[in-house]
Amino acid sequence: MQKISTKDLLSLENYSQEREKIRKNLIEIKKDRKIQIGGNVTLLFENNATIKYQIQEMLRVEKIFEEDGIKEELAAYNPLIPDGNNLKATMLIEFPDAEERKEKLSYLIGIEDKVWLQIGENERIFGIADEDLERSDEEKTSAVHFLRFELSNLMIKDLKSKVTLFAGISHPNYNVRTQEIAQSISNSLSKDLD
């Protein structure tokens, strides 16, 4: 999947004019890029469109319009785009109540290393977590992690051939496996593997 460059981005003014239309389009894209694992963990699989939106939003919020600042954002976000042999996801651990979230995150230390995908009869693939910086410590894990799932050629072939996809987490305090993932999600994710 092609990385984003400055020529792919809208100016702050043009983005402001197009923002609502872009946001509505992205909501549609994300519907087929989200996997819920249990009641509290969501994987949002990134692609060129989702990352481009994130960059445009950061530029807008931070009012960044100079080339050096834009290049910094590109350098920070481009690594989250799949490269054709992997899937990349933002993992969100969600507990609505702040006190409960704080308590639960202390019981889920290391959960980011226990997230897996399984394509058909292939072995489970565990995500490689937080390559940019450590997001856990001895007291708690973060509510947001970034995962990379490296796929073999056979796994890629199987996913493109519409073989069943499952996801799960094998953490002692959050041991959950999904039902078969909807084919629309598998189809969307398989497009990341071109």
Protein backbone atom coordinates (compact mmCIF):
# COMPACT_ATOMS: atom_id res chain seq x y z
CA MET A 1 0.00 0.00 0.00
CA GLN A 2 1.40 3.36 -0.98
CA LYS A 3 2.63 5.73 1.71
CA ILE A 4 1.15 9.23 1.92
CA SER A 5 3.16 12.20 0.69
CA THR A 6 2.60 15.95 0.91
CA LYS A 7 1.05 15.95 -2.58
CA ASP A 8 -1.71 13.60 -1.31
CA LEU A 9 -2.84 16.08 1.35
CA LEU A 10 -5.29 18.94 1.08
CA SER A 11 -4.40 22.42 2.28
CA LEU A 12 -5.95 23.36 5.63
CA GLU A 13 -8.47 25.56 3.81
CA ASN A 14 -9.48 22.89 1.28
CA TYR A 15 -9.64 20.23 3.99
CA SER A 16 -11.91 22.45 6.07
CA GLN A 17 -14.28 22.77 3.09
CA GLU A 18 -14.26 19.02 2.36
CA ARG A 19 -14.02 17.75 5.94
CA GLU A 20 -17.65 16.72 6.49
CA LYS A 21 -17.80 14.78 3.22
CA ILE A 22 -14.45 13.09 3.95
CA ARG A 23 -15.57 12.19 7.48
CA LYS A 24 -18.82 10.60 6.25
CA ASN A 25 -16.90 8.59 3.67
CA LEU A 26 -14.43 7.43 6.32
CA ILE A 27 -17.25 6.28 8.62
CA GLU A 28 -18.41 4.00 5.79
CA ILE A 29 -14.88 2.70 5.20
CA LYS A 30 -14.34 1.97 8.91
CA LYS A 31 -17.52 -0.12 9.18
CA ASP A 32 -15.69 -2.93 7.40
CA ARG A 33 -12.37 -2.39 9.19
CA LYS A 34 -13.42 -2.88 12.81
CA ILE A 35 -13.30 -6.08 14.86
CA GLN A 36 -14.78 -6.16 18.34
CA ILE A 37 -13.10 -8.67 20.68
CA GLY A 38 -15.28 -9.11 23.73
CA GLY A 39 -17.01 -6.12 25.23
CA ASN A 40 -14.00 -3.89 25.81
CA VAL A 41 -11.46 -4.27 23.00
CA THR A 42 -11.76 -2.98 19.45
CA LEU A 43 -9.28 -3.37 16.62
CA LEU A 44 -9.50 -0.65 13.97
CA PHE A 45 -7.53 -1.78 10.93
CA GLU A 46 -5.67 1.06 9.28
CA ASN A 47 -5.17 1.70 5.58
CA ASN A 48 -4.20 4.61 3.38
CA ALA A 49 -7.61 6.32 3.77
CA THR A 50 -7.79 6.03 7.57
CA ILE A 51 -4.24 7.28 8.05
CA LYS A 52 -4.66 10.12 5.56
CA TYR A 53 -7.70 11.24 7.56
CA GLN A 54 -5.70 11.08 10.81
CA ILE A 55 -2.93 13.18 9.30
CA GLN A 56 -5.37 15.75 7.92
CA GLU A 57 -7.09 15.97 11.32
CA MET A 58 -3.76 16.45 13.14
CA LEU A 59 -2.70 19.16 10.71
CA ARG A 60 -6.07 20.86 11.21
CA VAL A 61 -6.10 20.64 15.02
CA GLU A 62 -2.46 21.70 15.37
CA LYS A 63 -2.79 24.29 12.57
CA ILE A 64 0.28 22.87 10.84
CA PHE A 65 0.84 24.23 7.36
CA GLU A 66 4.61 24.51 7.07
CA GLU A 67 6.43 21.77 5.16
CA ASP A 68 8.65 20.63 8.06
CA GLY A 69 5.65 20.16 10.35
CA ILE A 70 3.74 18.28 7.67
CA LYS A 71 6.74 16.00 7.06
CA GLU A 72 6.91 15.25 10.80
CA GLU A 73 3.27 14.13 10.78
CA LEU A 74 3.86 12.00 7.68
CA ALA A 75 6.87 10.37 9.36
CA ALA A 76 4.81 9.62 12.47
CA TYR A 77 1.75 8.18 10.69
CA ASN A 78 3.05 6.51 7.52
CA PRO A 79 4.43 3.50 9.46
CA LEU A 80 0.81 2.66 10.41
CA ILE A 81 -0.08 1.91 6.76
CA PRO A 82 0.13 -1.81 5.84
CA ASP A 83 2.91 -2.68 3.39
CA GLY A 84 1.24 -5.55 1.50
CA ASN A 85 2.48 -8.38 3.74
CA ASN A 86 0.80 -7.34 6.95
CA LEU A 87 -2.27 -5.86 8.58
CA LYS A 88 -1.95 -2.94 10.99
CA ALA A 89 -4.48 -2.00 13.63
CA THR A 90 -5.10 0.50 16.37
CA MET A 91 -6.25 -1.39 19.45
CA LEU A 92 -8.62 0.45 21.78
CA ILE A 93 -9.34 -0.81 25.29
CA GLU A 94 -12.61 0.83 26.27
CA PHE A 95 -14.23 1.17 29.67
CA PRO A 96 -16.67 4.12 29.86
CA ASP A 97 -16.07 4.90 33.54
CA ALA A 98 -12.66 6.50 34.23
CA GLU A 99 -12.17 4.79 37.61
CA GLU A 100 -13.13 1.39 36.24
CA ARG A 101 -10.82 1.95 33.24
CA LYS A 102 -7.89 2.76 35.53
CA GLU A 103 -8.51 -0.38 37.59
CA LYS A 104 -9.04 -2.67 34.58
CA LEU A 105 -5.93 -1.41 32.76
CA SER A 106 -3.86 -2.46 35.79
CA TYR A 107 -5.17 -6.05 35.34
CA LEU A 108 -4.47 -6.06 31.60
CA ILE A 109 -0.72 -5.41 31.57
CA GLY A 110 0.75 -7.15 28.52
CA ILE A 111 -2.59 -7.60 26.72
CA GLU A 112 -1.15 -5.90 23.63
CA ASP A 113 1.18 -8.91 23.15
CA LYS A 114 -1.66 -11.45 23.38
CA VAL A 115 -3.86 -10.30 20.47
CA TRP A 116 -4.11 -12.73 17.57
CA LEU A 117 -5.69 -13.31 14.18
CA GLN A 118 -6.30 -16.69 12.60
CA ILE A 119 -6.97 -17.20 8.91
CA GLY A 120 -8.61 -20.57 8.26
CA GLU A 121 -6.52 -23.48 9.53
CA ASN A 122 -3.29 -21.45 9.60
CA GLU A 123 -1.47 -20.84 12.88
CA ARG A 124 -2.52 -17.86 14.96
CA ILE A 125 -0.61 -14.67 14.20
CA PHE A 126 0.14 -12.59 17.29
CA GLY A 127 0.38 -8.85 16.78
CA ILE A 128 3.68 -7.08 17.23
CA ALA A 129 2.80 -4.20 19.53
CA ASP A 130 3.89 -0.60 19.89
CA GLU A 131 6.99 -0.48 17.74
CA ASP A 132 7.08 3.31 18.02
CA LEU A 133 7.25 3.49 21.84
CA GLU A 134 6.43 1.49 24.95
CA ARG A 135 2.84 2.05 26.07
CA SER A 136 2.76 -0.12 29.20
CA ASP A 137 4.55 -0.02 32.51
CA GLU A 138 4.57 -2.11 35.71
CA GLU A 139 1.35 -0.51 36.93
CA LYS A 140 -0.93 -0.52 33.88
CA THR A 141 -1.25 -0.88 30.16
CA SER A 142 -2.30 1.94 27.87
CA ALA A 143 -5.85 2.19 26.52
CA VAL A 144 -4.41 2.55 22.98
CA HIS A 145 -1.89 0.30 21.23
CA PHE A 146 -0.67 -0.10 17.66
CA LEU A 147 -0.36 -3.64 16.30
CA ARG A 148 1.25 -5.17 13.23
CA PHE A 149 0.24 -8.66 12.07
CA GLU A 150 2.79 -10.23 9.68
CA LEU A 151 1.18 -12.74 7.30
CA SER A 152 2.75 -15.59 5.36
CA ASN A 153 2.10 -15.95 1.62
CA LEU A 154 -0.31 -18.82 2.37
CA MET A 155 -2.24 -16.69 4.88
CA ILE A 156 -2.51 -13.88 2.34
CA LYS A 157 -3.72 -16.32 -0.32
CA ASP A 158 -6.26 -17.84 2.08
CA LEU A 159 -7.63 -14.48 3.22
CA LYS A 160 -8.05 -13.39 -0.40
CA SER A 161 -9.77 -16.73 -1.09
CA LYS A 162 -12.42 -15.88 1.52
CA VAL A 163 -11.25 -18.40 4.13
CA THR A 164 -12.73 -17.74 7.58
CA LEU A 165 -11.06 -15.15 9.79
CA PHE A 166 -11.09 -15.16 13.58
CA ALA A 167 -9.55 -12.86 16.17
CA GLY A 168 -8.93 -13.16 19.86
CA ILE A 169 -6.92 -12.31 22.93
CA SER A 170 -5.22 -14.90 25.11
CA HIS A 171 -4.55 -12.82 28.22
CA PRO A 172 -5.30 -14.47 31.60
CA ASN A 173 -7.64 -11.60 32.53
CA TYR A 174 -9.18 -11.19 29.07
CA ASN A 175 -9.35 -14.51 27.25
CA VAL A 176 -11.80 -13.97 24.39
CA ARG A 177 -12.26 -15.31 20.87
CA THR A 178 -14.58 -13.84 18.26
CA GLN A 179 -17.10 -15.68 16.21
CA GLU A 180 -16.25 -15.91 12.52
CA ILE A 181 -15.49 -12.39 11.26
CA ALA A 182 -17.99 -11.03 8.72
CA GLN A 183 -16.94 -11.59 5.10
CA SER A 184 -17.25 -7.86 4.38
CA ILE A 185 -14.46 -7.23 6.92
CA SER A 186 -12.28 -10.02 5.53
CA ASN A 187 -12.78 -8.63 2.02
CA SER A 188 -11.82 -5.13 3.15
CA LEU A 189 -8.70 -6.35 4.98
CA SER A 190 -7.61 -8.51 2.05
CA LYS A 191 -7.32 -5.34 -0.05
CA ASP A 192 -4.44 -4.28 2.23
CA LEU A 193 -2.44 -7.24 0.95
CA ASP A 194 -1.86 -6.14 -2.65
